[in-house]
Amino acid sequence: MKKFESPVIPLAWLLAVVVFDQLTKGLVMAYFGLYELQPVIPGLFNLTYLTNTGAAFGMLAGAQSVWRQVFFVGVAVAAIGVMVFSYRQFHNQGKIFAHAIGLIAGGAVGNLIDRLRFGAVVDFLDFYVGTHHWPAFNVADSAICVGVGLFILGSILYPSQENEK
């Protein structure tokens, strides 16, 4: 695999994710009341305005506010640090890792901005079938999931030379 040295790809993804994430959350906050929903595809997808003080799927939402915020801000900062370290480790293994790292870091920054501004993350994408709802999520969450998927795919398609020994 050809070496890839430039940090342009992950930085571009980070910036694009943060801008699109914050733009979409701002639009939802401007045009929806808290807990309001608008069906887009009846029986499958709504736009809504929810806040999540916890982690994924609302975990730790009941914890004390100050400690919860310190914990989640610390986790987000650590995740961004891990992405910087990961880029340094994987940048010569192919562009797929650069894309993955940029998406994950962008998602972490997008949700960190919400936590610092509002004390909670704004979620607005609500997929469901009948009465079974997937927990609402946002652009940053989507970027993190896609980035992790790309990272796993890259690890399968381009195993490190250490793994080949």
C-alpha atoms as a PDB file:
ATOM      1  CA  MET A   1       0.000   0.000   0.000  1.00  0.00           C
ATOM      2  CA  LYS A   2       1.242   3.449  -0.926  1.00  0.00           C
ATOM      3  CA  LYS A   3       2.194   5.651   2.013  1.00  0.00           C
ATOM      4  CA  PHE A   4      -0.139   8.506   2.832  1.00  0.00           C
ATOM      5  CA  GLU A   5       1.442  11.263   4.896  1.00  0.00           C
ATOM      6  CA  SER A   6      -0.763  14.363   4.611  1.00  0.00           C
ATOM      7  CA  PRO A   7      -3.225  15.155   7.430  1.00  0.00           C
ATOM      8  CA  VAL A   8      -5.516  16.950   4.942  1.00  0.00           C
ATOM      9  CA  ILE A   9      -8.064  14.113   4.694  1.00  0.00           C
ATOM     10  CA  PRO A  10      -8.705  13.653   8.428  1.00  0.00           C
ATOM     11  CA  LEU A  11      -8.723  17.410   9.035  1.00  0.00           C
ATOM     12  CA  ALA A  12     -11.161  17.953   6.154  1.00  0.00           C
ATOM     13  CA  TRP A  13     -13.484  15.245   7.510  1.00  0.00           C
ATOM     14  CA  LEU A  14     -13.219  16.642  11.025  1.00  0.00           C
ATOM     15  CA  LEU A  15     -14.164  20.117   9.822  1.00  0.00           C
ATOM     16  CA  ALA A  16     -16.958  18.876   7.519  1.00  0.00           C
ATOM     17  CA  VAL A  17     -18.517  16.717  10.228  1.00  0.00           C
ATOM     18  CA  VAL A  18     -18.382  19.479  12.850  1.00  0.00           C
ATOM     19  CA  VAL A  19     -19.884  22.073  10.492  1.00  0.00           C
ATOM     20  CA  PHE A  20     -22.662  19.780   9.204  1.00  0.00           C
ATOM     21  CA  ASP A  21     -23.375  18.447  12.709  1.00  0.00           C
ATOM     22  CA  GLN A  22     -23.637  21.879  14.300  1.00  0.00           C
ATOM     23  CA  LEU A  23     -25.626  23.276  11.353  1.00  0.00           C
ATOM     24  CA  THR A  24     -28.212  20.480  11.490  1.00  0.00           C
ATOM     25  CA  LYS A  25     -28.502  20.683  15.275  1.00  0.00           C
ATOM     26  CA  GLY A  26     -28.927  24.461  15.050  1.00  0.00           C
ATOM     27  CA  LEU A  27     -31.714  24.069  12.500  1.00  0.00           C
ATOM     28  CA  VAL A  28     -33.508  21.512  14.652  1.00  0.00           C
ATOM     29  CA  MET A  29     -33.211  23.748  17.720  1.00  0.00           C
ATOM     30  CA  ALA A  30     -34.481  26.756  15.737  1.00  0.00           C
ATOM     31  CA  TYR A  31     -37.495  25.069  14.141  1.00  0.00           C
ATOM     32  CA  PHE A  32     -38.572  22.429  16.679  1.00  0.00           C
ATOM     33  CA  GLY A  33     -39.718  22.620  20.255  1.00  0.00           C
ATOM     34  CA  LEU A  34     -38.074  20.193  22.663  1.00  0.00           C
ATOM     35  CA  TYR A  35     -39.658  16.722  22.210  1.00  0.00           C
ATOM     36  CA  GLU A  36     -41.541  17.845  19.083  1.00  0.00           C
ATOM     37  CA  LEU A  37     -41.424  15.421  16.178  1.00  0.00           C
ATOM     38  CA  GLN A  38     -42.217  15.621  12.505  1.00  0.00           C
ATOM     39  CA  PRO A  39     -42.861  12.399  10.576  1.00  0.00           C
ATOM     40  CA  VAL A  40     -40.744  12.216   7.425  1.00  0.00           C
ATOM     41  CA  ILE A  41     -41.402   8.608   6.375  1.00  0.00           C
ATOM     42  CA  PRO A  42     -44.420   7.413   8.390  1.00  0.00           C
ATOM     43  CA  GLY A  43     -43.737   4.126  10.128  1.00  0.00           C
ATOM     44  CA  LEU A  44     -39.955   4.477   9.673  1.00  0.00           C
ATOM     45  CA  PHE A  45     -38.384   7.908  10.271  1.00  0.00           C
ATOM     46  CA  ASN A  46     -39.105  11.125  12.169  1.00  0.00           C
ATOM     47  CA  LEU A  47     -37.202  14.306  12.776  1.00  0.00           C
ATOM     48  CA  THR A  48     -37.393  15.276  16.419  1.00  0.00           C
ATOM     49  CA  TYR A  49     -35.638  17.421  18.991  1.00  0.00           C
ATOM     50  CA  LEU A  50     -34.283  15.576  22.011  1.00  0.00           C
ATOM     51  CA  THR A  51     -31.390  16.168  24.352  1.00  0.00           C
ATOM     52  CA  ASN A  52     -29.237  13.409  25.792  1.00  0.00           C
ATOM     53  CA  THR A  53     -27.335  14.121  28.980  1.00  0.00           C
ATOM     54  CA  GLY A  54     -25.932  10.587  28.998  1.00  0.00           C
ATOM     55  CA  ALA A  55     -23.734   8.596  26.665  1.00  0.00           C
ATOM     56  CA  ALA A  56     -24.869   6.435  23.775  1.00  0.00           C
ATOM     57  CA  PHE A  57     -28.458   5.268  24.287  1.00  0.00           C
ATOM     58  CA  GLY A  58     -28.778   7.522  27.360  1.00  0.00           C
ATOM     59  CA  MET A  59     -26.344   5.580  29.545  1.00  0.00           C
ATOM     60  CA  LEU A  60     -25.336   7.506  32.694  1.00  0.00           C
ATOM     61  CA  ALA A  61     -28.063  10.099  32.088  1.00  0.00           C
ATOM     62  CA  GLY A  62     -29.109   9.783  35.742  1.00  0.00           C
ATOM     63  CA  ALA A  63     -25.642  10.474  37.171  1.00  0.00           C
ATOM     64  CA  GLN A  64     -24.972  13.743  39.011  1.00  0.00           C
ATOM     65  CA  SER A  65     -24.740  16.592  36.528  1.00  0.00           C
ATOM     66  CA  VAL A  66     -21.288  17.971  37.396  1.00  0.00           C
ATOM     67  CA  TRP A  67     -19.550  14.582  37.494  1.00  0.00           C
ATOM     68  CA  ARG A  68     -21.351  13.426  34.354  1.00  0.00           C
ATOM     69  CA  GLN A  69     -20.167  16.514  32.471  1.00  0.00           C
ATOM     70  CA  VAL A  70     -16.586  16.167  33.699  1.00  0.00           C
ATOM     71  CA  PHE A  71     -16.619  12.499  32.724  1.00  0.00           C
ATOM     72  CA  PHE A  72     -18.027  13.036  29.220  1.00  0.00           C
ATOM     73  CA  VAL A  73     -15.824  16.026  28.429  1.00  0.00           C
ATOM     74  CA  GLY A  74     -12.813  14.007  29.607  1.00  0.00           C
ATOM     75  CA  VAL A  75     -13.848  11.034  27.475  1.00  0.00           C
ATOM     76  CA  ALA A  76     -14.293  13.263  24.412  1.00  0.00           C
ATOM     77  CA  VAL A  77     -10.898  14.915  24.897  1.00  0.00           C
ATOM     78  CA  ALA A  78      -9.312  11.479  25.386  1.00  0.00           C
ATOM     79  CA  ALA A  79     -11.015  10.200  22.227  1.00  0.00           C
ATOM     80  CA  ILE A  80      -9.622  13.106  20.232  1.00  0.00           C
ATOM     81  CA  GLY A  81      -6.174  12.366  21.670  1.00  0.00           C
ATOM     82  CA  VAL A  82      -6.536   8.717  20.676  1.00  0.00           C
ATOM     83  CA  MET A  83      -7.454   9.814  17.132  1.00  0.00           C
ATOM     84  CA  VAL A  84      -4.316  11.959  16.897  1.00  0.00           C
ATOM     85  CA  PHE A  85      -2.219   9.054  18.175  1.00  0.00           C
ATOM     86  CA  SER A  86      -4.021   6.649  15.805  1.00  0.00           C
ATOM     87  CA  TYR A  87      -3.319   8.887  12.846  1.00  0.00           C
ATOM     88  CA  ARG A  88       0.376   8.875  13.724  1.00  0.00           C
ATOM     89  CA  GLN A  89       0.285   5.059  13.897  1.00  0.00           C
ATOM     90  CA  PHE A  90      -1.884   4.337  10.836  1.00  0.00           C
ATOM     91  CA  HIS A  91      -1.180   7.183   8.397  1.00  0.00           C
ATOM     92  CA  ASN A  92       1.200   5.046   6.344  1.00  0.00           C
ATOM     93  CA  GLN A  93      -1.249   2.128   6.040  1.00  0.00           C
ATOM     94  CA  GLY A  94      -3.661   3.782   3.629  1.00  0.00           C
ATOM     95  CA  LYS A  95      -6.196   6.503   3.078  1.00  0.00           C
ATOM     96  CA  ILE A  96      -9.078   4.472   4.550  1.00  0.00           C
ATOM     97  CA  PHE A  97      -7.587   5.027   8.015  1.00  0.00           C
ATOM     98  CA  ALA A  98      -7.264   8.760   7.389  1.00  0.00           C
ATOM     99  CA  HIS A  99     -10.964   8.935   6.450  1.00  0.00           C
ATOM    100  CA  ALA A 100     -11.946   6.823   9.477  1.00  0.00           C
ATOM    101  CA  ILE A 101      -9.913   8.885  11.935  1.00  0.00           C
ATOM    102  CA  GLY A 102     -11.271  12.170  10.567  1.00  0.00           C
ATOM    103  CA  LEU A 103     -14.873  10.974  10.845  1.00  0.00           C
ATOM    104  CA  ILE A 104     -14.446   9.678  14.396  1.00  0.00           C
ATOM    105  CA  ALA A 105     -12.632  12.831  15.541  1.00  0.00           C
ATOM    106  CA  GLY A 106     -15.228  15.064  13.866  1.00  0.00           C
ATOM    107  CA  GLY A 107     -18.032  13.228  15.623  1.00  0.00           C
ATOM    108  CA  ALA A 108     -16.270  13.466  18.971  1.00  0.00           C
ATOM    109  CA  VAL A 109     -15.717  17.213  18.518  1.00  0.00           C
ATOM    110  CA  GLY A 110     -19.316  17.791  17.371  1.00  0.00           C
ATOM    111  CA  ASN A 111     -20.765  16.135  20.462  1.00  0.00           C
ATOM    112  CA  LEU A 112     -18.159  17.783  22.709  1.00  0.00           C
ATOM    113  CA  ILE A 113     -19.307  21.196  21.485  1.00  0.00           C
ATOM    114  CA  ASP A 114     -22.880  20.331  22.512  1.00  0.00           C
ATOM    115  CA  ARG A 115     -21.792  19.148  25.955  1.00  0.00           C
ATOM    116  CA  LEU A 116     -19.822  22.338  26.544  1.00  0.00           C
ATOM    117  CA  ARG A 117     -22.580  24.629  25.201  1.00  0.00           C
ATOM    118  CA  PHE A 118     -25.734  22.919  26.467  1.00  0.00           C
ATOM    119  CA  GLY A 119     -24.678  20.291  28.998  1.00  0.00           C
ATOM    120  CA  ALA A 120     -26.259  17.662  26.738  1.00  0.00           C
ATOM    121  CA  VAL A 121     -26.052  16.371  23.184  1.00  0.00           C
ATOM    122  CA  VAL A 122     -28.797  17.325  20.717  1.00  0.00           C
ATOM    123  CA  ASP A 123     -30.293  14.306  18.917  1.00  0.00           C
ATOM    124  CA  PHE A 124     -32.847  14.528  16.122  1.00  0.00           C
ATOM    125  CA  LEU A 125     -32.797  11.470  13.848  1.00  0.00           C
ATOM    126  CA  ASP A 126     -35.464   8.987  14.978  1.00  0.00           C
ATOM    127  CA  PHE A 127     -35.735   5.658  13.131  1.00  0.00           C
ATOM    128  CA  TYR A 128     -38.384   3.149  14.137  1.00  0.00           C
ATOM    129  CA  VAL A 129     -40.588   0.258  13.053  1.00  0.00           C
ATOM    130  CA  GLY A 130     -44.009   0.203  14.664  1.00  0.00           C
ATOM    131  CA  THR A 131     -43.447   1.004  18.334  1.00  0.00           C
ATOM    132  CA  HIS A 132     -39.780  -0.111  18.296  1.00  0.00           C
ATOM    133  CA  HIS A 133     -37.535   2.960  18.147  1.00  0.00           C
ATOM    134  CA  TRP A 134     -33.785   3.021  17.673  1.00  0.00           C
ATOM    135  CA  PRO A 135     -32.413   5.616  20.114  1.00  0.00           C
ATOM    136  CA  ALA A 136     -32.378   9.041  18.478  1.00  0.00           C
ATOM    137  CA  PHE A 137     -28.987  10.179  17.186  1.00  0.00           C
ATOM    138  CA  ASN A 138     -27.311  12.955  15.208  1.00  0.00           C
ATOM    139  CA  VAL A 139     -24.740  13.611  12.453  1.00  0.00           C
ATOM    140  CA  ALA A 140     -21.798  13.349  14.872  1.00  0.00           C
ATOM    141  CA  ASP A 141     -22.988   9.939  16.088  1.00  0.00           C
ATOM    142  CA  SER A 142     -23.366   8.790  12.480  1.00  0.00           C
ATOM    143  CA  ALA A 143     -19.854   9.962  11.611  1.00  0.00           C
ATOM    144  CA  ILE A 144     -18.413   8.064  14.567  1.00  0.00           C
ATOM    145  CA  CYS A 145     -20.203   4.849  13.524  1.00  0.00           C
ATOM    146  CA  VAL A 146     -19.142   5.164   9.882  1.00  0.00           C
ATOM    147  CA  GLY A 147     -15.574   5.970  10.958  1.00  0.00           C
ATOM    148  CA  VAL A 148     -15.391   2.920  13.225  1.00  0.00           C
ATOM    149  CA  GLY A 149     -16.792   0.784  10.394  1.00  0.00           C
ATOM    150  CA  LEU A 150     -14.147   2.105   7.990  1.00  0.00           C
ATOM    151  CA  PHE A 151     -11.432   1.515  10.570  1.00  0.00           C
ATOM    152  CA  ILE A 152     -12.542  -2.111  10.994  1.00  0.00           C
ATOM    153  CA  LEU A 153     -12.775  -2.560   7.221  1.00  0.00           C
ATOM    154  CA  GLY A 154      -9.303  -1.099   6.770  1.00  0.00           C
ATOM    155  CA  SER A 155      -7.942  -3.415   9.451  1.00  0.00           C
ATOM    156  CA  ILE A 156      -9.390  -6.390   7.585  1.00  0.00           C
ATOM    157  CA  LEU A 157      -8.342  -5.285   4.092  1.00  0.00           C
ATOM    158  CA  TYR A 158      -4.935  -3.896   5.042  1.00  0.00           C
ATOM    159  CA  PRO A 159      -3.611  -5.759   8.077  1.00  0.00           C
ATOM    160  CA  SER A 160      -0.478  -4.260   9.543  1.00  0.00           C
ATOM    161  CA  GLN A 161       2.812  -5.913   8.656  1.00  0.00           C
ATOM    162  CA  GLU A 162       3.214  -6.869  12.335  1.00  0.00           C
ATOM    163  CA  ASN A 163       0.013  -8.954  12.083  1.00  0.00           C
ATOM    164  CA  GLU A 164       1.284 -10.707   8.962  1.00  0.00           C
ATOM    165  CA  LYS A 165       4.398 -12.025  10.750  1.00  0.00           C
END
